[in-house]
PDB file of N, CA and C in Angstrom:
ATOM      1  N   UNK A   1      -2.421 -14.696  -9.571  1.00  0.00           N
ATOM      2  CA  UNK A   1      -2.652 -13.765 -10.228  1.00  0.00           C
ATOM      3  C   UNK A   1      -1.237 -13.203 -10.885  1.00  0.00           C
ATOM      4  N   UNK A   2      -1.370 -12.703 -12.347  1.00  0.00           N
ATOM      5  CA  UNK A   2       0.084 -12.363 -12.707  1.00  0.00           C
ATOM      6  C   UNK A   2      -0.007 -10.983 -13.062  1.00  0.00           C
ATOM      7  N   UNK A   3       0.627 -10.273 -12.672  1.00  0.00           N
ATOM      8  CA  UNK A   3       0.593  -8.622 -12.514  1.00  0.00           C
ATOM      9  C   UNK A   3       1.771  -8.213 -13.728  1.00  0.00           C
ATOM     10  N   UNK A   4       1.652  -6.839 -14.141  1.00  0.00           N
ATOM     11  CA  UNK A   4       2.316  -6.394 -14.990  1.00  0.00           C
ATOM     12  C   UNK A   4       3.728  -5.310 -14.653  1.00  0.00           C
ATOM     13  N   UNK A   5       3.081  -5.318 -13.229  1.00  0.00           N
ATOM     14  CA  UNK A   5       4.350  -4.522 -12.272  1.00  0.00           C
ATOM     15  C   UNK A   5       5.266  -5.262 -11.983  1.00  0.00           C
ATOM     16  N   UNK A   6       6.634  -4.534 -12.098  1.00  0.00           N
ATOM     17  CA  UNK A   6       7.824  -5.020 -12.348  1.00  0.00           C
ATOM     18  C   UNK A   6       8.373  -4.789 -11.101  1.00  0.00           C
ATOM     19  N   UNK A   7       8.041  -3.863 -10.335  1.00  0.00           N
ATOM     20  CA  UNK A   7       8.461  -3.782  -8.931  1.00  0.00           C
ATOM     21  C   UNK A   7       8.070  -4.127  -7.869  1.00  0.00           C
ATOM     22  N   UNK A   8       8.671  -5.465  -7.687  1.00  0.00           N
ATOM     23  CA  UNK A   8       7.357  -6.096  -6.467  1.00  0.00           C
ATOM     24  C   UNK A   8       8.827  -6.500  -5.340  1.00  0.00           C
ATOM     25  N   UNK A   9       8.392  -6.301  -4.309  1.00  0.00           N
ATOM     26  CA  UNK A   9       9.370  -6.184  -3.010  1.00  0.00           C
ATOM     27  C   UNK A   9       9.227  -7.393  -1.816  1.00  0.00           C
ATOM     28  N   UNK A  10       9.321  -7.876  -1.536  1.00  0.00           N
ATOM     29  CA  UNK A  10       8.838  -9.337  -0.861  1.00  0.00           C
ATOM     30  C   UNK A  10       9.660  -8.610   0.525  1.00  0.00           C
ATOM     31  N   UNK A  11       8.434  -8.399   1.505  1.00  0.00           N
ATOM     32  CA  UNK A  11       9.022  -8.495   2.757  1.00  0.00           C
ATOM     33  C   UNK A  11       7.839  -8.793   4.037  1.00  0.00           C
ATOM     34  N   UNK A  12       8.740  -7.886   4.706  1.00  0.00           N
ATOM     35  CA  UNK A  12       7.729  -8.190   6.495  1.00  0.00           C
ATOM     36  C   UNK A  12       6.948  -6.996   7.021  1.00  0.00           C
ATOM     37  N   UNK A  13       5.783  -7.234   7.425  1.00  0.00           N
ATOM     38  CA  UNK A  13       4.941  -5.937   7.686  1.00  0.00           C
ATOM     39  C   UNK A  13       5.812  -6.205   9.433  1.00  0.00           C
ATOM     40  N   UNK A  14       6.400  -4.867   9.537  1.00  0.00           N
ATOM     41  CA  UNK A  14       7.130  -4.500  10.636  1.00  0.00           C
ATOM     42  C   UNK A  14       5.897  -3.660  11.610  1.00  0.00           C
ATOM     43  N   UNK A  15       5.227  -2.441  11.440  1.00  0.00           N
ATOM     44  CA  UNK A  15       4.072  -2.005  12.097  1.00  0.00           C
ATOM     45  C   UNK A  15       2.822  -1.910  11.065  1.00  0.00           C
ATOM     46  N   UNK A  16       1.737  -1.795  11.995  1.00  0.00           N
ATOM     47  CA  UNK A  16       0.539  -1.079  11.571  1.00  0.00           C
ATOM     48  C   UNK A  16      -0.375   0.024  11.917  1.00  0.00           C
ATOM     49  N   UNK A  17      -0.390   0.992  11.486  1.00  0.00           N
ATOM     50  CA  UNK A  17      -1.346   2.381  12.368  1.00  0.00           C
ATOM     51  C   UNK A  17      -2.457   2.086  11.669  1.00  0.00           C
ATOM     52  N   UNK A  18      -3.452   1.883  12.274  1.00  0.00           N
ATOM     53  CA  UNK A  18      -5.133   2.059  11.891  1.00  0.00           C
ATOM     54  C   UNK A  18      -5.164   3.506  12.208  1.00  0.00           C
ATOM     55  N   UNK A  19      -5.877   4.230  11.414  1.00  0.00           N
ATOM     56  CA  UNK A  19      -6.699   5.200  11.460  1.00  0.00           C
ATOM     57  C   UNK A  19      -8.450   4.952  11.184  1.00  0.00           C
ATOM     58  N   UNK A  20      -9.045   5.870  11.343  1.00  0.00           N
ATOM     59  CA  UNK A  20     -10.422   5.740  11.374  1.00  0.00           C
ATOM     60  C   UNK A  20     -10.821   5.180   9.616  1.00  0.00           C
ATOM     61  N   UNK A  21     -10.399   5.597   8.853  1.00  0.00           N
ATOM     62  CA  UNK A  21     -10.333   5.321   7.196  1.00  0.00           C
ATOM     63  C   UNK A  21      -9.028   4.465   6.830  1.00  0.00           C
ATOM     64  N   UNK A  22      -8.224   4.748   7.324  1.00  0.00           N
ATOM     65  CA  UNK A  22      -6.503   4.486   6.786  1.00  0.00           C
ATOM     66  C   UNK A  22      -5.785   4.056   7.558  1.00  0.00           C
ATOM     67  N   UNK A  23      -4.794   3.227   6.754  1.00  0.00           N
ATOM     68  CA  UNK A  23      -4.020   2.802   7.661  1.00  0.00           C
ATOM     69  C   UNK A  23      -2.475   2.977   7.342  1.00  0.00           C
ATOM     70  N   UNK A  24      -1.488   3.204   7.954  1.00  0.00           N
ATOM     71  CA  UNK A  24      -0.108   2.805   7.496  1.00  0.00           C
ATOM     72  C   UNK A  24       0.406   1.787   7.960  1.00  0.00           C
ATOM     73  N   UNK A  25       1.103   0.893   7.035  1.00  0.00           N
ATOM     74  CA  UNK A  25       1.679  -0.201   6.922  1.00  0.00           C
ATOM     75  C   UNK A  25       3.345   0.096   6.550  1.00  0.00           C
ATOM     76  N   UNK A  26       3.708  -0.415   7.438  1.00  0.00           N
ATOM     77  CA  UNK A  26       5.421  -0.157   7.373  1.00  0.00           C
ATOM     78  C   UNK A  26       5.766  -1.987   6.979  1.00  0.00           C
ATOM     79  N   UNK A  27       6.741  -1.859   5.861  1.00  0.00           N
ATOM     80  CA  UNK A  27       7.246  -3.032   5.570  1.00  0.00           C
ATOM     81  C   UNK A  27       8.709  -3.286   5.084  1.00  0.00           C
ATOM     82  N   UNK A  28       9.475  -4.406   6.432  1.00  0.00           N
ATOM     83  CA  UNK A  28      11.162  -4.468   6.108  1.00  0.00           C
ATOM     84  C   UNK A  28      11.796  -4.736   4.972  1.00  0.00           C
ATOM     85  N   UNK A  29      11.862  -4.445   3.871  1.00  0.00           N
ATOM     86  CA  UNK A  29      12.542  -4.850   2.944  1.00  0.00           C
ATOM     87  C   UNK A  29      13.717  -5.466   2.982  1.00  0.00           C
ATOM     88  N   UNK A  30      14.775  -6.008   3.114  1.00  0.00           N
ATOM     89  CA  UNK A  30      16.225  -6.092   2.965  1.00  0.00           C
ATOM     90  C   UNK A  30      16.550  -5.469   4.246  1.00  0.00           C
ATOM     91  N   UNK A  31      16.068  -4.955   5.396  1.00  0.00           N
ATOM     92  CA  UNK A  31      16.404  -3.876   6.159  1.00  0.00           C
ATOM     93  C   UNK A  31      16.145  -2.275   5.655  1.00  0.00           C
ATOM     94  N   UNK A  32      15.370  -2.160   4.843  1.00  0.00           N
ATOM     95  CA  UNK A  32      14.622  -0.594   4.437  1.00  0.00           C
ATOM     96  C   UNK A  32      13.525  -0.865   4.438  1.00  0.00           C
ATOM     97  N   UNK A  33      12.632   0.129   5.370  1.00  0.00           N
ATOM     98  CA  UNK A  33      11.120   0.406   5.058  1.00  0.00           C
ATOM     99  C   UNK A  33      10.503   0.832   3.796  1.00  0.00           C
ATOM    100  N   UNK A  34       9.600   0.025   3.626  1.00  0.00           N
ATOM    101  CA  UNK A  34       8.649   0.278   2.747  1.00  0.00           C
ATOM    102  C   UNK A  34       7.426   0.997   3.208  1.00  0.00           C
ATOM    103  N   UNK A  35       6.994   2.323   3.122  1.00  0.00           N
ATOM    104  CA  UNK A  35       5.480   2.560   3.786  1.00  0.00           C
ATOM    105  C   UNK A  35       4.692   2.399   2.650  1.00  0.00           C
ATOM    106  N   UNK A  36       3.648   1.729   3.479  1.00  0.00           N
ATOM    107  CA  UNK A  36       2.021   1.868   2.518  1.00  0.00           C
ATOM    108  C   UNK A  36       1.102   2.299   3.351  1.00  0.00           C
ATOM    109  N   UNK A  37       0.386   3.617   2.601  1.00  0.00           N
ATOM    110  CA  UNK A  37      -0.790   3.926   3.048  1.00  0.00           C
ATOM    111  C   UNK A  37      -1.944   3.257   2.276  1.00  0.00           C
ATOM    112  N   UNK A  38      -2.730   2.341   3.162  1.00  0.00           N
ATOM    113  CA  UNK A  38      -4.140   1.888   2.145  1.00  0.00           C
ATOM    114  C   UNK A  38      -5.478   1.983   3.193  1.00  0.00           C
ATOM    115  N   UNK A  39      -6.450   1.655   2.730  1.00  0.00           N
ATOM    116  CA  UNK A  39      -7.750   1.623   3.386  1.00  0.00           C
ATOM    117  C   UNK A  39      -7.471   0.776   4.653  1.00  0.00           C
ATOM    118  N   UNK A  40      -8.382   1.231   6.022  1.00  0.00           N
ATOM    119  CA  UNK A  40      -8.288   0.077   6.914  1.00  0.00           C
ATOM    120  C   UNK A  40      -8.874  -1.112   6.943  1.00  0.00           C
ATOM    121  N   UNK A  41      -9.765  -0.807   5.425  1.00  0.00           N
ATOM    122  CA  UNK A  41     -10.717  -2.445   5.401  1.00  0.00           C
ATOM    123  C   UNK A  41     -10.268  -2.917   4.437  1.00  0.00           C
ATOM    124  N   UNK A  42      -9.023  -2.879   4.131  1.00  0.00           N
ATOM    125  CA  UNK A  42      -7.899  -3.746   3.197  1.00  0.00           C
ATOM    126  C   UNK A  42      -7.038  -4.412   4.267  1.00  0.00           C
ATOM    127  N   UNK A  43      -6.760  -3.644   5.426  1.00  0.00           N
ATOM    128  CA  UNK A  43      -5.944  -4.557   6.148  1.00  0.00           C
ATOM    129  C   UNK A  43      -6.873  -5.463   7.080  1.00  0.00           C
ATOM    130  N   UNK A  44      -7.898  -5.157   6.996  1.00  0.00           N
ATOM    131  CA  UNK A  44      -8.632  -5.736   8.143  1.00  0.00           C
ATOM    132  C   UNK A  44      -8.998  -7.016   6.847  1.00  0.00           C
ATOM    133  N   UNK A  45      -9.461  -6.626   5.594  1.00  0.00           N
ATOM    134  CA  UNK A  45     -10.101  -7.940   4.907  1.00  0.00           C
ATOM    135  C   UNK A  45      -8.687  -8.815   4.535  1.00  0.00           C
ATOM    136  N   UNK A  46      -7.457  -8.278   4.671  1.00  0.00           N
ATOM    137  CA  UNK A  46      -6.555  -9.104   4.245  1.00  0.00           C
ATOM    138  C   UNK A  46      -5.939  -9.998   5.769  1.00  0.00           C
ATOM    139  N   UNK A  47      -6.515  -9.387   6.893  1.00  0.00           N
ATOM    140  CA  UNK A  47      -5.818 -10.008   7.991  1.00  0.00           C
ATOM    141  C   UNK A  47      -4.404  -9.717   8.364  1.00  0.00           C
ATOM    142  N   UNK A  48      -4.212  -8.767   7.922  1.00  0.00           N
ATOM    143  CA  UNK A  48      -2.366  -8.169   8.420  1.00  0.00           C
ATOM    144  C   UNK A  48      -1.957  -7.977   9.417  1.00  0.00           C
ATOM    145  N   UNK A  49      -0.951  -8.531   9.945  1.00  0.00           N
ATOM    146  CA  UNK A  49      -0.583  -8.048  11.362  1.00  0.00           C
ATOM    147  C   UNK A  49       0.900  -8.688  10.872  1.00  0.00           C
ATOM    148  N   UNK A  50       1.830  -7.723  12.095  1.00  0.00           N
ATOM    149  CA  UNK A  50       2.861  -7.095  12.300  1.00  0.00           C
ATOM    150  C   UNK A  50       3.361  -8.930  12.077  1.00  0.00           C
ATOM    151  N   UNK A  51       4.579  -9.045  10.919  1.00  0.00           N
ATOM    152  CA  UNK A  51       5.423 -10.414  11.250  1.00  0.00           C
ATOM    153  C   UNK A  51       4.914 -10.973   9.917  1.00  0.00           C
ATOM    154  N   UNK A  52       3.989 -10.491   9.198  1.00  0.00           N
ATOM    155  CA  UNK A  52       3.575 -11.408   8.208  1.00  0.00           C
ATOM    156  C   UNK A  52       4.382 -11.060   6.902  1.00  0.00           C
ATOM    157  N   UNK A  53       4.311 -12.029   5.920  1.00  0.00           N
ATOM    158  CA  UNK A  53       5.108 -11.703   4.766  1.00  0.00           C
ATOM    159  C   UNK A  53       4.100 -11.324   3.946  1.00  0.00           C
ATOM    160  N   UNK A  54       4.643  -9.957   3.085  1.00  0.00           N
ATOM    161  CA  UNK A  54       3.987  -9.564   1.959  1.00  0.00           C
ATOM    162  C   UNK A  54       4.576  -9.276   0.710  1.00  0.00           C
ATOM    163  N   UNK A  55       4.061  -9.039  -0.326  1.00  0.00           N
ATOM    164  CA  UNK A  55       4.924  -8.392  -1.364  1.00  0.00           C
ATOM    165  C   UNK A  55       4.451  -6.626  -1.490  1.00  0.00           C
ATOM    166  N   UNK A  56       5.012  -6.210  -1.711  1.00  0.00           N
ATOM    167  CA  UNK A  56       4.518  -4.500  -2.160  1.00  0.00           C
ATOM    168  C   UNK A  56       5.086  -4.408  -3.584  1.00  0.00           C
ATOM    169  N   UNK A  57       3.700  -3.887  -4.374  1.00  0.00           N
ATOM    170  CA  UNK A  57       4.026  -3.761  -5.805  1.00  0.00           C
ATOM    171  C   UNK A  57       4.008  -2.332  -5.625  1.00  0.00           C
ATOM    172  N   UNK A  58       4.711  -2.002  -6.569  1.00  0.00           N
ATOM    173  CA  UNK A  58       5.136  -0.541  -6.651  1.00  0.00           C
ATOM    174  C   UNK A  58       4.790  -0.127  -8.727  1.00  0.00           C
ATOM    175  N   UNK A  59       3.671   0.305  -8.978  1.00  0.00           N
ATOM    176  CA  UNK A  59       3.277   1.039  -9.910  1.00  0.00           C
ATOM    177  C   UNK A  59       3.488   2.330  -9.960  1.00  0.00           C
ATOM    178  N   UNK A  60       4.225   3.255 -10.735  1.00  0.00           N
ATOM    179  CA  UNK A  60       4.641   4.303 -10.856  1.00  0.00           C
ATOM    180  C   UNK A  60       4.729   4.819 -12.271  1.00  0.00           C
ATOM    181  N   UNK A  61       4.320   6.116 -12.629  1.00  0.00           N
ATOM    182  CA  UNK A  61       4.619   6.371 -13.962  1.00  0.00           C
ATOM    183  C   UNK A  61       5.841   7.057 -14.139  1.00  0.00           C
ATOM    184  N   UNK A  62       6.846   7.374 -12.826  1.00  0.00           N
ATOM    185  CA  UNK A  62       7.995   7.858 -12.762  1.00  0.00           C
ATOM    186  C   UNK A  62       8.776   7.580 -11.613  1.00  0.00           C
ATOM    187  N   UNK A  63       9.770   7.366 -11.909  1.00  0.00           N
ATOM    188  CA  UNK A  63      10.915   7.409 -10.562  1.00  0.00           C
ATOM    189  C   UNK A  63      11.726   8.751 -10.541  1.00  0.00           C
ATOM    190  N   UNK A  64      12.010   9.153  -9.548  1.00  0.00           N
ATOM    191  CA  UNK A  64      13.114  10.214  -9.592  1.00  0.00           C
ATOM    192  C   UNK A  64      14.349   9.950  -8.663  1.00  0.00           C
ATOM    193  N   UNK A  65      15.515  10.335  -9.725  1.00  0.00           N
ATOM    194  CA  UNK A  65      16.757   9.909  -8.797  1.00  0.00           C
ATOM    195  C   UNK A  65      17.489  11.427  -8.445  1.00  0.00           C
ATOM    196  N   UNK A  66      18.266  11.254  -7.136  1.00  0.00           N
ATOM    197  CA  UNK A  66      18.318  12.731  -6.704  1.00  0.00           C
ATOM    198  C   UNK A  66      20.379  11.841  -6.815  1.00  0.00           C
ATOM    199  N   UNK A  67      21.596  12.829  -6.859  1.00  0.00           N
ATOM    200  CA  UNK A  67      22.734  12.638  -6.468  1.00  0.00           C
ATOM    201  C   UNK A  67      23.480  13.664  -5.915  1.00  0.00           C
TER     202      UNK A  67
END
């Protein structure tokens, strides 16, 4: 699959916290945590587990910077 999103970060699933409907997935990307909240069904359908390699795809209309 080819995506237009340019911000693609490959990392390792660090932890998954399952809720009744949603799940919080923490991905370690070069020592930095990227947190994604997705549906529990998506976690189950992908068979995600800690230690899996995934790609976090970030598609946003804005990127804010602070200095």
